[in-house]
């Protein structure tokens, strides 16, 4: 029985290394607080943009960078810091991220010019890129049992949904009582608490450390992702493919990513083990994350415009209308582990996509009048279905990745999330504009130049209508509203098609949730020699 006792001792050492003396559920709480801060900061600035504009007077390009530089930098550096955590320690990278996030928050809160705020937001993006993959990779280590890990990922994803929804509401509350810098200043006390708590409770973990860290490859991945995400975001903001910055960004970024992939295939110790993509469950999960986010983010953007510009709701009322989606997503995250065990990854992700597609088609019944019951029903189904999809995809992706590659796998998942969001805004925004603009041609009494300007967006159409005044202005406003509703319906149908494509893709996932046998820890031996005793 010497082999048994030796294996038991090895298991105890592995568990001690994973838990580092801390209860894994306490570790999960610390990780969720970290994620909550990053998720809130990604959306909290949206409601503060008017106040920032009034105070700092940024130009149009500067304002665009103030809003976009955080997600742009964060998405670009996820692979770099995810793989660096595998190399030097995930807790170490996470704590550095806490520090940088706190310092950058203070700099942003006290910014006295647009350029300082842009730099601060970029540093926040660097801190976010350190924190996000580290939370998932540490979670992967401290929950080696897949059943418990599924529950932990469900809680983690529910917290992410809460953070995205709380951001605008928290920002609105702070702006009503304080100046715009308070939306950043609130991060500092939370980080001051997270640093010592994280240092005490979070376990350190890293990969096998074989071979040198590929610094050149990490920089290539960061630069390539920066170019692709920048190009996609510019397309999403209405820039044409003929723009001088959009095409070069996309081409150079794509070329660098291709070179990065070729470099990783040649290296003995690659930065990212691309063999993970040869596993159907891993590559399919990544594709499902991209498609799910592609559908969600574009729809959220258009839904916010519909609620405010067509129905005339205030920003706070708009946020409250979107809360059912968030609550449904939370419920799906908390119930995800049980659903995954009962139905398996294939049926769970496929059903999530189909439910989301049904919700999207249901929302095509929305018109120019407020139908609150229909909207709430659609948003509840949308949130539950989409979170079910994302939960199943994330869990399958992490479970397929080797433990020593947890940081790289988490970074790939978060990068696909960000890319899907950017592509969704660009693609569905393009579909929306293509369906919206023709409805404004030939409006009686409206000059062709005014119709062309109104065709850019519904907000601009309202401005043109106000300038025209009279019956022509009223006719343009009416036509623009009808055209926007038509464009919304077309966009919803396109989104439903993409979701059904995701359902078909999910058929490549495993049918059942493969769980390792539960490992029971034996009492620790009194001394090291006891583990070598043969019976």
Protein backbone atom coordinates (compact mmCIF):
# COMPACT_ATOMS: atom_id res chain seq x y z
CA UNK A 1 0.00 0.00 0.00
CA UNK A 2 2.98 2.30 -0.27
CA UNK A 3 1.71 3.52 -3.60
CA UNK A 4 -1.64 4.44 -2.04
CA UNK A 5 -0.12 6.39 0.79
CA UNK A 6 2.29 8.15 -1.54
CA UNK A 7 -0.59 9.12 -3.86
CA UNK A 8 -2.56 10.38 -0.89
CA UNK A 9 0.36 12.50 0.24
CA UNK A 10 0.74 13.90 -3.26
CA UNK A 11 -2.97 14.72 -3.29
CA UNK A 12 -2.65 16.53 0.04
CA UNK A 13 0.30 18.54 -1.25
CA UNK A 14 -1.67 19.45 -4.37
CA UNK A 15 -4.68 20.52 -2.29
CA UNK A 16 -2.46 22.53 0.03
CA UNK A 17 -0.85 24.24 -2.94
CA UNK A 18 -4.22 25.07 -4.44
CA UNK A 19 -5.84 26.29 -1.28
CA UNK A 20 -2.80 27.80 0.45
CA UNK A 21 -4.56 27.48 3.79
CA UNK A 22 -7.60 29.49 2.71
CA UNK A 23 -11.10 28.16 2.31
CA UNK A 24 -11.81 28.00 -1.40
CA UNK A 25 -15.23 29.62 -0.99
CA UNK A 26 -13.64 32.58 0.78
CA UNK A 27 -11.20 32.77 -2.12
CA UNK A 28 -14.19 32.84 -4.48
CA UNK A 29 -15.65 35.82 -2.59
CA UNK A 30 -12.37 37.74 -2.95
CA UNK A 31 -12.18 36.92 -6.67
CA UNK A 32 -15.79 37.99 -7.23
CA UNK A 33 -15.16 41.35 -5.54
CA UNK A 34 -12.21 41.84 -7.90
CA UNK A 35 -14.36 41.04 -10.92
CA UNK A 36 -17.16 43.29 -9.68
CA UNK A 37 -14.82 46.30 -9.59
CA UNK A 38 -13.60 45.72 -13.14
CA UNK A 39 -17.10 45.07 -14.50
CA UNK A 40 -18.52 48.20 -12.83
CA UNK A 41 -15.67 50.36 -14.11
CA UNK A 42 -16.31 49.21 -17.68
CA UNK A 43 -19.77 50.83 -17.69
CA UNK A 44 -19.77 53.42 -14.90
CA UNK A 45 -18.36 56.18 -17.12
CA UNK A 46 -21.20 56.00 -19.65
CA UNK A 47 -23.56 58.17 -17.61
CA UNK A 48 -20.74 60.57 -16.64
CA UNK A 49 -19.82 61.50 -20.24
CA UNK A 50 -21.98 64.68 -20.31
CA UNK A 51 -20.47 65.92 -17.03
CA UNK A 52 -16.93 65.12 -18.24
CA UNK A 53 -17.62 66.94 -21.50
CA UNK A 54 -18.89 70.03 -19.69
CA UNK A 55 -15.92 70.15 -17.31
CA UNK A 56 -12.92 69.14 -19.43
CA UNK A 57 -14.20 70.29 -22.85
CA UNK A 58 -12.63 67.41 -24.82
CA UNK A 59 -12.71 67.37 -28.60
CA UNK A 60 -14.65 64.70 -30.47
CA UNK A 61 -11.61 62.43 -30.90
CA UNK A 62 -10.55 62.96 -27.29
CA UNK A 63 -14.02 62.08 -26.03
CA UNK A 64 -13.99 58.92 -28.14
CA UNK A 65 -10.66 57.89 -26.60
CA UNK A 66 -11.86 58.67 -23.07
CA UNK A 67 -14.71 56.19 -23.52
CA UNK A 68 -12.95 53.54 -25.63
CA UNK A 69 -9.38 53.42 -24.37
CA UNK A 70 -10.25 51.33 -21.27
CA UNK A 71 -11.82 48.34 -23.10
CA UNK A 72 -9.33 48.72 -25.97
CA UNK A 73 -6.23 48.46 -23.75
CA UNK A 74 -7.82 45.80 -21.54
CA UNK A 75 -8.70 43.53 -24.48
CA UNK A 76 -5.24 43.97 -26.01
CA UNK A 77 -3.30 42.92 -22.91
CA UNK A 78 -5.38 39.98 -21.67
CA UNK A 79 -3.20 37.32 -23.31
CA UNK A 80 0.00 39.06 -22.22
CA UNK A 81 -0.93 39.20 -18.54
CA UNK A 82 -2.81 35.90 -18.53
CA UNK A 83 0.28 34.03 -19.71
CA UNK A 84 2.57 36.14 -17.51
CA UNK A 85 0.52 34.99 -14.51
CA UNK A 86 1.12 31.38 -15.56
CA UNK A 87 4.83 32.19 -15.54
CA UNK A 88 5.45 34.35 -12.42
CA UNK A 89 2.34 33.62 -10.35
CA UNK A 90 -1.31 34.50 -10.81
CA UNK A 91 -1.76 36.02 -7.36
CA UNK A 92 1.26 38.25 -7.90
CA UNK A 93 -0.19 39.60 -11.16
CA UNK A 94 -3.60 40.04 -9.52
CA UNK A 95 -2.17 42.06 -6.63
CA UNK A 96 -0.17 44.22 -9.05
CA UNK A 97 -3.42 44.77 -10.93
CA UNK A 98 -5.13 45.86 -7.71
CA UNK A 99 -2.36 48.39 -7.05
CA UNK A 100 -2.37 49.82 -10.55
CA UNK A 101 -6.17 49.96 -10.63
CA UNK A 102 -6.24 51.96 -7.39
CA UNK A 103 -3.53 54.40 -8.51
CA UNK A 104 -5.15 54.89 -11.93
CA UNK A 105 -8.55 55.49 -10.29
CA UNK A 106 -7.08 58.30 -8.21
CA UNK A 107 -5.42 59.81 -11.28
CA UNK A 108 -8.69 59.65 -13.24
CA UNK A 109 -10.71 61.19 -10.41
CA UNK A 110 -8.35 64.18 -10.17
CA UNK A 111 -7.75 64.61 -13.92
CA UNK A 112 -7.78 68.27 -14.94
CA UNK A 113 -7.54 67.70 -18.70
CA UNK A 114 -8.78 65.25 -21.30
CA UNK A 115 -5.27 63.94 -21.95
CA UNK A 116 -4.70 63.09 -18.28
CA UNK A 117 -8.05 61.29 -18.16
CA UNK A 118 -7.18 59.30 -21.29
CA UNK A 119 -3.87 58.20 -19.73
CA UNK A 120 -5.63 57.27 -16.49
CA UNK A 121 -8.27 55.26 -18.35
CA UNK A 122 -5.51 53.46 -20.27
CA UNK A 123 -3.81 52.55 -16.97
CA UNK A 124 -7.18 51.30 -15.68
CA UNK A 125 -7.29 49.06 -18.76
CA UNK A 126 -3.85 47.67 -17.91
CA UNK A 127 -4.99 46.97 -14.34
CA UNK A 128 -8.19 45.34 -15.61
CA UNK A 129 -6.17 43.11 -17.96
CA UNK A 130 -4.13 41.95 -14.97
CA UNK A 131 -7.19 41.25 -12.83
CA UNK A 132 -9.65 39.57 -15.20
CA UNK A 133 -7.74 36.46 -16.39
CA UNK A 134 -6.15 36.06 -12.96
CA UNK A 135 -9.55 35.67 -11.28
CA UNK A 136 -10.59 32.87 -13.64
CA UNK A 137 -7.24 31.07 -13.58
CA UNK A 138 -7.04 31.13 -9.76
CA UNK A 139 -10.64 29.88 -9.68
CA UNK A 140 -9.56 27.02 -11.97
CA UNK A 141 -6.81 26.08 -9.52
CA UNK A 142 -8.69 26.27 -6.21
CA UNK A 143 -11.65 24.26 -7.54
CA UNK A 144 -10.07 21.11 -9.05
CA UNK A 145 -13.35 19.21 -8.78
CA UNK A 146 -15.47 20.05 -11.81
CA UNK A 147 -18.79 19.95 -9.96
CA UNK A 148 -17.66 22.57 -7.46
CA UNK A 149 -15.91 24.54 -10.19
CA UNK A 150 -19.14 24.74 -12.18
CA UNK A 151 -20.93 26.25 -9.19
CA UNK A 152 -18.05 28.70 -8.65
CA UNK A 153 -18.11 29.78 -12.30
CA UNK A 154 -21.88 30.28 -12.03
CA UNK A 155 -21.41 32.63 -9.09
CA UNK A 156 -18.53 34.36 -10.88
CA UNK A 157 -20.62 34.94 -14.03
CA UNK A 158 -23.60 36.16 -11.97
CA UNK A 159 -21.34 38.75 -10.34
CA UNK A 160 -20.16 39.87 -13.79
CA UNK A 161 -23.78 40.42 -14.82
CA UNK A 162 -24.43 42.42 -11.66
CA UNK A 163 -21.36 44.59 -12.27
CA UNK A 164 -22.36 45.48 -15.81
CA UNK A 165 -25.82 46.57 -14.64
CA UNK A 166 -24.72 48.31 -11.44
CA UNK A 167 -22.19 50.52 -13.26
CA UNK A 168 -24.66 52.99 -14.83
CA UNK A 169 -26.90 53.01 -11.75
CA UNK A 170 -23.97 53.65 -9.39
CA UNK A 171 -22.66 56.33 -11.74
CA UNK A 172 -26.03 58.04 -11.85
CA UNK A 173 -26.33 58.01 -8.06
CA UNK A 174 -22.84 59.45 -7.55
CA UNK A 175 -23.37 62.15 -10.16
CA UNK A 176 -26.52 63.31 -8.40
CA UNK A 177 -24.56 63.94 -5.17
CA UNK A 178 -20.91 64.48 -6.18
CA UNK A 179 -18.72 65.53 -9.11
CA UNK A 180 -17.91 63.20 -12.00
CA UNK A 181 -14.55 62.13 -10.50
CA UNK A 182 -16.41 60.29 -7.75
CA UNK A 183 -17.21 57.46 -10.20
CA UNK A 184 -13.48 56.65 -10.12
CA UNK A 185 -12.69 57.64 -6.54
CA UNK A 186 -15.04 54.97 -5.18
CA UNK A 187 -12.57 52.30 -6.41
CA UNK A 188 -9.76 53.38 -4.09
CA UNK A 189 -11.11 52.26 -0.67
CA UNK A 190 -12.22 48.96 -2.21
CA UNK A 191 -8.74 48.36 -3.59
CA UNK A 192 -7.14 49.33 -0.27
CA UNK A 193 -9.19 46.56 1.33
CA UNK A 194 -8.67 44.05 -1.50
CA UNK A 195 -4.86 44.29 -1.44
CA UNK A 196 -4.21 43.03 2.10
CA UNK A 197 -7.14 40.60 2.01
CA UNK A 198 -5.95 39.18 -1.31
CA UNK A 199 -2.39 38.87 -0.04
CA UNK A 200 -3.57 36.95 3.04
CA UNK A 201 -6.24 34.72 1.53
CA UNK A 202 -5.49 34.13 -2.13
CA UNK A 203 -3.27 31.15 -2.98
CA UNK A 204 -0.30 31.54 -5.30
CA UNK A 205 -0.27 29.29 -8.34
CA UNK A 206 1.63 29.16 -11.58
CA UNK A 207 2.28 26.89 -14.55
CA UNK A 208 5.09 24.37 -14.92
CA UNK A 209 7.56 27.14 -15.84
CA UNK A 210 9.25 25.16 -18.61
CA UNK A 211 11.18 27.21 -21.14
CA UNK A 212 11.54 30.99 -21.37
CA UNK A 213 8.56 33.31 -21.46
CA UNK A 214 8.02 34.51 -25.04
CA UNK A 215 8.25 38.28 -24.58
CA UNK A 216 8.25 38.97 -28.33
CA UNK A 217 5.19 36.77 -28.81
CA UNK A 218 3.37 38.51 -25.96
CA UNK A 219 4.04 41.92 -27.50
CA UNK A 220 2.95 40.68 -30.94
CA UNK A 221 -0.33 39.41 -29.49
CA UNK A 222 -0.92 42.69 -27.65
CA UNK A 223 -0.19 44.85 -30.70
CA UNK A 224 -2.23 42.61 -33.01
CA UNK A 225 -5.25 42.61 -30.71
CA UNK A 226 -4.94 46.38 -30.25
CA UNK A 227 -5.10 46.89 -34.01
CA UNK A 228 -8.01 44.51 -34.59
CA UNK A 229 -10.07 45.81 -31.66
CA UNK A 230 -9.37 49.44 -32.64
CA UNK A 231 -10.47 48.78 -36.22
CA UNK A 232 -13.60 46.96 -35.10
CA UNK A 233 -14.51 49.73 -32.64
CA UNK A 234 -14.09 52.37 -35.34
CA UNK A 235 -16.40 50.39 -37.62
CA UNK A 236 -18.89 50.16 -34.75
CA UNK A 237 -18.78 53.94 -34.27
CA UNK A 238 -19.81 54.51 -37.89
CA UNK A 239 -16.42 54.79 -39.63
CA UNK A 240 -16.33 53.38 -43.14
CA UNK A 241 -13.86 50.77 -44.36
CA UNK A 242 -12.32 53.52 -46.46
CA UNK A 243 -11.20 55.42 -43.36
CA UNK A 244 -7.46 56.05 -43.21
CA UNK A 245 -7.15 54.59 -39.70
CA UNK A 246 -9.70 51.76 -39.81
CA UNK A 247 -8.26 49.64 -42.63
CA UNK A 248 -4.59 49.91 -41.57
CA UNK A 249 -5.54 49.00 -38.00
CA UNK A 250 -7.42 45.91 -39.12
CA UNK A 251 -4.78 44.81 -41.66
CA UNK A 252 -1.75 45.36 -39.40
CA UNK A 253 -3.52 43.84 -36.40
CA UNK A 254 -4.61 40.75 -38.36
CA UNK A 255 -1.11 40.35 -39.84
CA UNK A 256 0.47 40.48 -36.38
CA UNK A 257 -1.99 37.91 -35.04
CA UNK A 258 -1.24 35.57 -37.96
CA UNK A 259 2.49 36.00 -37.31
CA UNK A 260 1.85 35.34 -33.61
CA UNK A 261 0.06 32.07 -34.39
CA UNK A 262 2.87 30.93 -36.70
CA UNK A 263 5.46 31.81 -34.07
CA UNK A 264 3.62 29.83 -31.38
CA UNK A 265 3.43 26.76 -33.62
CA UNK A 266 7.20 26.80 -34.15
CA UNK A 267 8.22 27.26 -30.53
CA UNK A 268 9.05 24.34 -28.25
CA UNK A 269 7.51 26.19 -25.29
CA UNK A 270 4.79 28.39 -26.75
CA UNK A 271 3.24 31.31 -24.94
CA UNK A 272 -0.23 29.91 -25.72
CA UNK A 273 -0.59 26.21 -26.44
CA UNK A 274 -2.56 26.31 -29.68
CA UNK A 275 -3.11 22.56 -29.38
CA UNK A 276 -5.96 23.49 -27.05
CA UNK A 277 -7.89 24.63 -30.13
CA UNK A 278 -7.59 21.12 -31.55
CA UNK A 279 -9.91 20.00 -28.77
CA UNK A 280 -13.46 20.41 -30.12
CA UNK A 281 -14.87 21.42 -26.73
CA UNK A 282 -12.31 24.23 -26.29
CA UNK A 283 -12.51 25.73 -29.79
CA UNK A 284 -16.30 25.39 -29.88
CA UNK A 285 -16.64 27.09 -26.48
CA UNK A 286 -14.53 30.04 -27.66
CA UNK A 287 -16.67 30.35 -30.80
CA UNK A 288 -19.86 30.24 -28.74
CA UNK A 289 -18.59 33.04 -26.48
CA UNK A 290 -17.87 35.22 -29.52
CA UNK A 291 -21.30 34.61 -31.05
CA UNK A 292 -23.16 35.13 -27.77
CA UNK A 293 -21.42 38.46 -27.09
CA UNK A 294 -21.80 39.49 -30.72
CA UNK A 295 -25.56 39.21 -30.34
CA UNK A 296 -25.82 40.69 -26.84
CA UNK A 297 -23.79 43.90 -26.97
CA UNK A 298 -25.19 45.18 -30.25
CA UNK A 299 -28.71 44.49 -29.02
CA UNK A 300 -28.11 46.25 -25.70
CA UNK A 301 -26.83 49.34 -27.50
CA UNK A 302 -29.80 49.46 -29.87
CA UNK A 303 -32.25 48.66 -27.05
CA UNK A 304 -30.94 51.63 -25.04
CA UNK A 305 -31.49 53.92 -28.04
CA UNK A 306 -35.00 52.50 -28.55
CA UNK A 307 -35.96 53.05 -24.92
CA UNK A 308 -34.65 56.61 -24.77
CA UNK A 309 -35.25 57.98 -28.27
CA UNK A 310 -38.39 56.13 -29.37
CA UNK A 311 -40.19 55.66 -26.06
CA UNK A 312 -38.74 58.81 -24.47
CA UNK A 313 -37.53 57.23 -21.23
CA UNK A 314 -34.86 58.90 -19.09
CA UNK A 315 -31.42 57.26 -18.62
CA UNK A 316 -32.42 56.06 -15.13
CA UNK A 317 -35.71 54.64 -16.43
CA UNK A 318 -33.77 52.96 -19.23
CA UNK A 319 -31.43 51.34 -16.73
CA UNK A 320 -34.37 50.13 -14.67
CA UNK A 321 -36.03 48.62 -17.76
CA UNK A 322 -32.88 46.62 -18.45
CA UNK A 323 -32.68 45.28 -14.88
CA UNK A 324 -34.90 42.22 -15.59
CA UNK A 325 -32.27 41.08 -18.08
CA UNK A 326 -29.61 41.33 -15.37
CA UNK A 327 -31.69 39.54 -12.73
CA UNK A 328 -32.46 36.72 -15.18
CA UNK A 329 -28.75 36.43 -16.00
CA UNK A 330 -27.95 36.20 -12.27
CA UNK A 331 -30.52 33.43 -11.85
CA UNK A 332 -29.08 31.50 -14.78
CA UNK A 333 -25.56 31.82 -13.39
CA UNK A 334 -26.60 30.52 -9.98
CA UNK A 335 -28.59 27.64 -11.49
CA UNK A 336 -25.97 26.88 -14.14
CA UNK A 337 -24.06 24.20 -12.21
CA UNK A 338 -27.19 22.13 -11.61
CA UNK A 339 -28.32 22.51 -15.24
CA UNK A 340 -24.87 21.52 -16.49
CA UNK A 341 -24.84 18.34 -14.42
CA UNK A 342 -28.35 17.41 -15.52
CA UNK A 343 -28.29 18.29 -19.22
CA UNK A 344 -24.60 18.35 -20.15
CA UNK A 345 -22.68 21.08 -22.04
CA UNK A 346 -24.14 20.31 -25.48
CA UNK A 347 -27.82 20.54 -24.59
CA UNK A 348 -27.28 23.39 -22.13
CA UNK A 349 -25.42 25.71 -24.52
CA UNK A 350 -27.62 24.77 -27.49
CA UNK A 351 -30.80 25.37 -25.47
CA UNK A 352 -29.41 28.69 -24.22
CA UNK A 353 -28.82 29.86 -27.77
CA UNK A 354 -32.30 28.72 -28.88
CA UNK A 355 -34.01 30.40 -25.92
CA UNK A 356 -32.13 33.63 -26.64
CA UNK A 357 -33.10 33.46 -30.33
CA UNK A 358 -36.75 32.97 -29.32
CA UNK A 359 -36.54 36.00 -27.02
CA UNK A 360 -35.04 38.10 -29.80
CA UNK A 361 -37.80 37.11 -32.24
CA UNK A 362 -40.39 37.86 -29.53
CA UNK A 363 -38.99 41.39 -29.20
CA UNK A 364 -39.71 42.08 -32.88
CA UNK A 365 -43.30 42.71 -31.74
CA UNK A 366 -42.12 45.95 -30.12
CA UNK A 367 -43.31 49.08 -31.90
CA UNK A 368 -43.60 52.82 -31.37
CA UNK A 369 -45.69 52.43 -28.20
CA UNK A 370 -44.47 51.17 -24.84
CA UNK A 371 -45.38 47.52 -24.22
CA UNK A 372 -43.84 46.97 -20.80
CA UNK A 373 -45.08 43.38 -20.32
CA UNK A 374 -43.71 42.23 -23.68
CA UNK A 375 -40.41 43.98 -23.05
CA UNK A 376 -39.93 42.49 -19.58
CA UNK A 377 -40.81 39.00 -20.85
CA UNK A 378 -38.36 39.31 -23.73
CA UNK A 379 -35.56 40.68 -21.55
CA UNK A 380 -36.02 37.94 -18.92
CA UNK A 381 -35.82 35.20 -21.56
CA UNK A 382 -32.91 36.99 -23.24
CA UNK A 383 -30.90 37.32 -20.02
CA UNK A 384 -31.55 33.76 -18.86
CA UNK A 385 -30.80 32.21 -22.24
CA UNK A 386 -27.66 34.21 -22.88
CA UNK A 387 -26.16 33.64 -19.44
CA UNK A 388 -26.92 29.92 -19.76
CA UNK A 389 -24.96 29.93 -23.01
CA UNK A 390 -22.02 31.90 -21.62
CA UNK A 391 -21.88 29.81 -18.44
CA UNK A 392 -21.78 26.50 -20.32
CA UNK A 393 -19.19 27.81 -22.78
CA UNK A 394 -16.88 29.26 -20.12
CA UNK A 395 -17.10 26.15 -17.95
CA UNK A 396 -16.35 23.82 -20.86
CA UNK A 397 -13.45 25.99 -22.04
CA UNK A 398 -11.79 26.14 -18.61
CA UNK A 399 -12.31 22.43 -17.93
CA UNK A 400 -10.71 21.50 -21.27
CA UNK A 401 -7.60 23.61 -20.62
CA UNK A 402 -4.67 22.02 -18.75
CA UNK A 403 -4.25 23.48 -15.24
CA UNK A 404 -0.79 24.84 -16.10
CA UNK A 405 -2.35 26.78 -19.00
CA UNK A 406 -5.21 28.20 -16.90
CA UNK A 407 -4.07 31.82 -17.27
CA UNK A 408 -3.69 31.57 -21.03
CA UNK A 409 -7.06 29.82 -21.38
CA UNK A 410 -8.80 32.44 -19.23
CA UNK A 411 -7.17 35.19 -21.29
CA UNK A 412 -8.39 33.56 -24.52
CA UNK A 413 -11.91 33.38 -23.12
CA UNK A 414 -11.89 37.03 -22.01
CA UNK A 415 -10.36 38.12 -25.33
CA UNK A 416 -13.06 36.30 -27.29
CA UNK A 417 -15.62 38.01 -25.04
CA UNK A 418 -14.18 41.45 -25.85
CA UNK A 419 -13.81 40.72 -29.57
CA UNK A 420 -17.35 39.41 -29.77
CA UNK A 421 -18.62 42.58 -28.11
CA UNK A 422 -16.69 44.83 -30.50
CA UNK A 423 -17.69 42.88 -33.60
CA UNK A 424 -21.31 42.84 -32.42
CA UNK A 425 -21.45 46.63 -32.16
CA UNK A 426 -19.87 46.98 -35.61
CA UNK A 427 -21.92 44.30 -37.37
CA UNK A 428 -25.34 44.94 -35.85
CA UNK A 429 -24.76 48.70 -36.01
CA UNK A 430 -24.08 48.37 -39.73
CA UNK A 431 -27.22 46.28 -40.21
CA UNK A 432 -29.23 48.82 -38.24
CA UNK A 433 -27.95 51.75 -40.31
CA UNK A 434 -28.55 49.92 -43.59
CA UNK A 435 -32.17 49.23 -42.62
CA UNK A 436 -32.78 52.66 -41.06
CA UNK A 437 -31.40 55.12 -43.61
CA UNK A 438 -33.64 54.23 -46.64
CA UNK A 439 -36.75 55.03 -44.60
CA UNK A 440 -35.80 58.72 -44.55
CA UNK A 441 -35.51 59.26 -48.28
CA UNK A 442 -38.36 61.15 -49.90
CA UNK A 443 -40.04 62.49 -46.75
CA UNK A 444 -42.57 65.16 -47.94
CA UNK A 445 -41.28 68.70 -47.42
CA UNK A 446 -37.82 67.63 -46.22
CA UNK A 447 -34.79 68.65 -48.34
CA UNK A 448 -32.50 65.89 -49.57
CA UNK A 449 -29.55 67.25 -47.56
CA UNK A 450 -31.61 67.18 -44.36
CA UNK A 451 -32.75 63.62 -45.09
CA UNK A 452 -29.14 62.56 -45.66
CA UNK A 453 -28.07 64.04 -42.32
CA UNK A 454 -31.03 62.48 -40.54
CA UNK A 455 -30.06 59.09 -41.99
CA UNK A 456 -26.92 58.94 -39.84
CA UNK A 457 -28.75 58.22 -36.59
CA UNK A 458 -32.07 58.73 -34.84
CA UNK A 459 -30.57 61.32 -32.50
CA UNK A 460 -29.30 63.35 -35.43
CA UNK A 461 -32.69 63.02 -37.14
CA UNK A 462 -34.34 64.61 -34.09
CA UNK A 463 -31.85 67.49 -34.21
CA UNK A 464 -32.52 68.08 -37.93
CA UNK A 465 -36.28 67.89 -37.30
CA UNK A 466 -36.00 70.52 -34.56
CA UNK A 467 -34.11 72.83 -36.94
CA UNK A 468 -36.70 72.38 -39.70
CA UNK A 469 -39.69 72.88 -37.42
CA UNK A 470 -43.28 72.98 -38.60
CA UNK A 471 -44.94 70.18 -40.53
CA UNK A 472 -41.67 69.18 -42.27
CA UNK A 473 -39.94 68.69 -38.92
CA UNK A 474 -42.86 66.69 -37.55
CA UNK A 475 -42.94 64.52 -40.68
CA UNK A 476 -39.19 63.85 -40.45
CA UNK A 477 -39.45 62.98 -36.77
CA UNK A 478 -42.33 60.57 -37.45
CA UNK A 479 -40.51 58.95 -40.39
CA UNK A 480 -37.28 58.61 -38.42
CA UNK A 481 -39.05 56.90 -35.56
CA UNK A 482 -40.76 54.45 -37.91
CA UNK A 483 -37.49 53.80 -39.75
CA UNK A 484 -35.69 53.11 -36.49
CA UNK A 485 -38.34 50.61 -35.37
CA UNK A 486 -38.06 48.89 -38.77
CA UNK A 487 -34.28 48.80 -38.44
CA UNK A 488 -34.64 47.38 -34.94
CA UNK A 489 -36.79 44.53 -36.28
CA UNK A 490 -34.31 43.72 -39.05
CA UNK A 491 -31.42 43.78 -36.59
CA UNK A 492 -33.26 41.49 -34.21
CA UNK A 493 -33.87 38.96 -36.99
CA UNK A 494 -30.21 39.03 -38.03
CA UNK A 495 -29.23 38.54 -34.41
CA UNK A 496 -31.62 35.58 -34.13
CA UNK A 497 -29.92 34.02 -37.15
CA UNK A 498 -26.51 34.40 -35.53
CA UNK A 499 -27.82 32.84 -32.32
CA UNK A 500 -29.20 29.84 -34.22
CA UNK A 501 -25.78 29.50 -35.87
CA UNK A 502 -24.34 29.36 -32.36
CA UNK A 503 -26.86 26.64 -31.44
CA UNK A 504 -25.65 24.58 -34.39
CA UNK A 505 -22.02 25.16 -33.37
CA UNK A 506 -22.80 24.01 -29.82
CA UNK A 507 -23.63 20.53 -31.15
CA UNK A 508 -19.86 19.87 -31.17
CA UNK A 509 -19.68 20.15 -27.38
CA UNK A 510 -19.59 16.98 -25.22
CA UNK A 511 -22.94 15.40 -24.52
CA UNK A 512 -22.32 14.88 -20.80
CA UNK A 513 -20.32 16.69 -18.13
CA UNK A 514 -17.24 14.55 -17.54
CA UNK A 515 -16.33 14.80 -13.85
CA UNK A 516 -13.26 13.36 -12.20
CA UNK A 517 -14.00 11.05 -9.29
CA UNK A 518 -14.38 13.03 -6.10
CA UNK A 519 -11.08 13.09 -4.25
CA UNK A 520 -11.32 12.58 -0.51
CA UNK A 521 -8.47 14.05 1.47
CA UNK A 522 -7.06 11.75 4.10
CA UNK A 523 -5.82 13.03 7.45
CA UNK A 524 -2.34 14.47 7.14
CA UNK A 525 0.45 12.19 8.38
CA UNK A 526 2.30 13.13 11.56
CA UNK A 527 5.56 13.39 9.68
CA UNK A 528 6.90 13.08 6.18
CA UNK A 529 8.33 9.62 6.81
CA UNK A 530 4.86 8.18 7.51
CA UNK A 531 3.87 8.58 3.85
CA UNK A 532 6.70 6.23 2.83
CA UNK A 533 5.76 3.38 5.16
CA UNK A 534 4.76 0.16 3.38
CA UNK A 535 2.03 -1.95 4.92
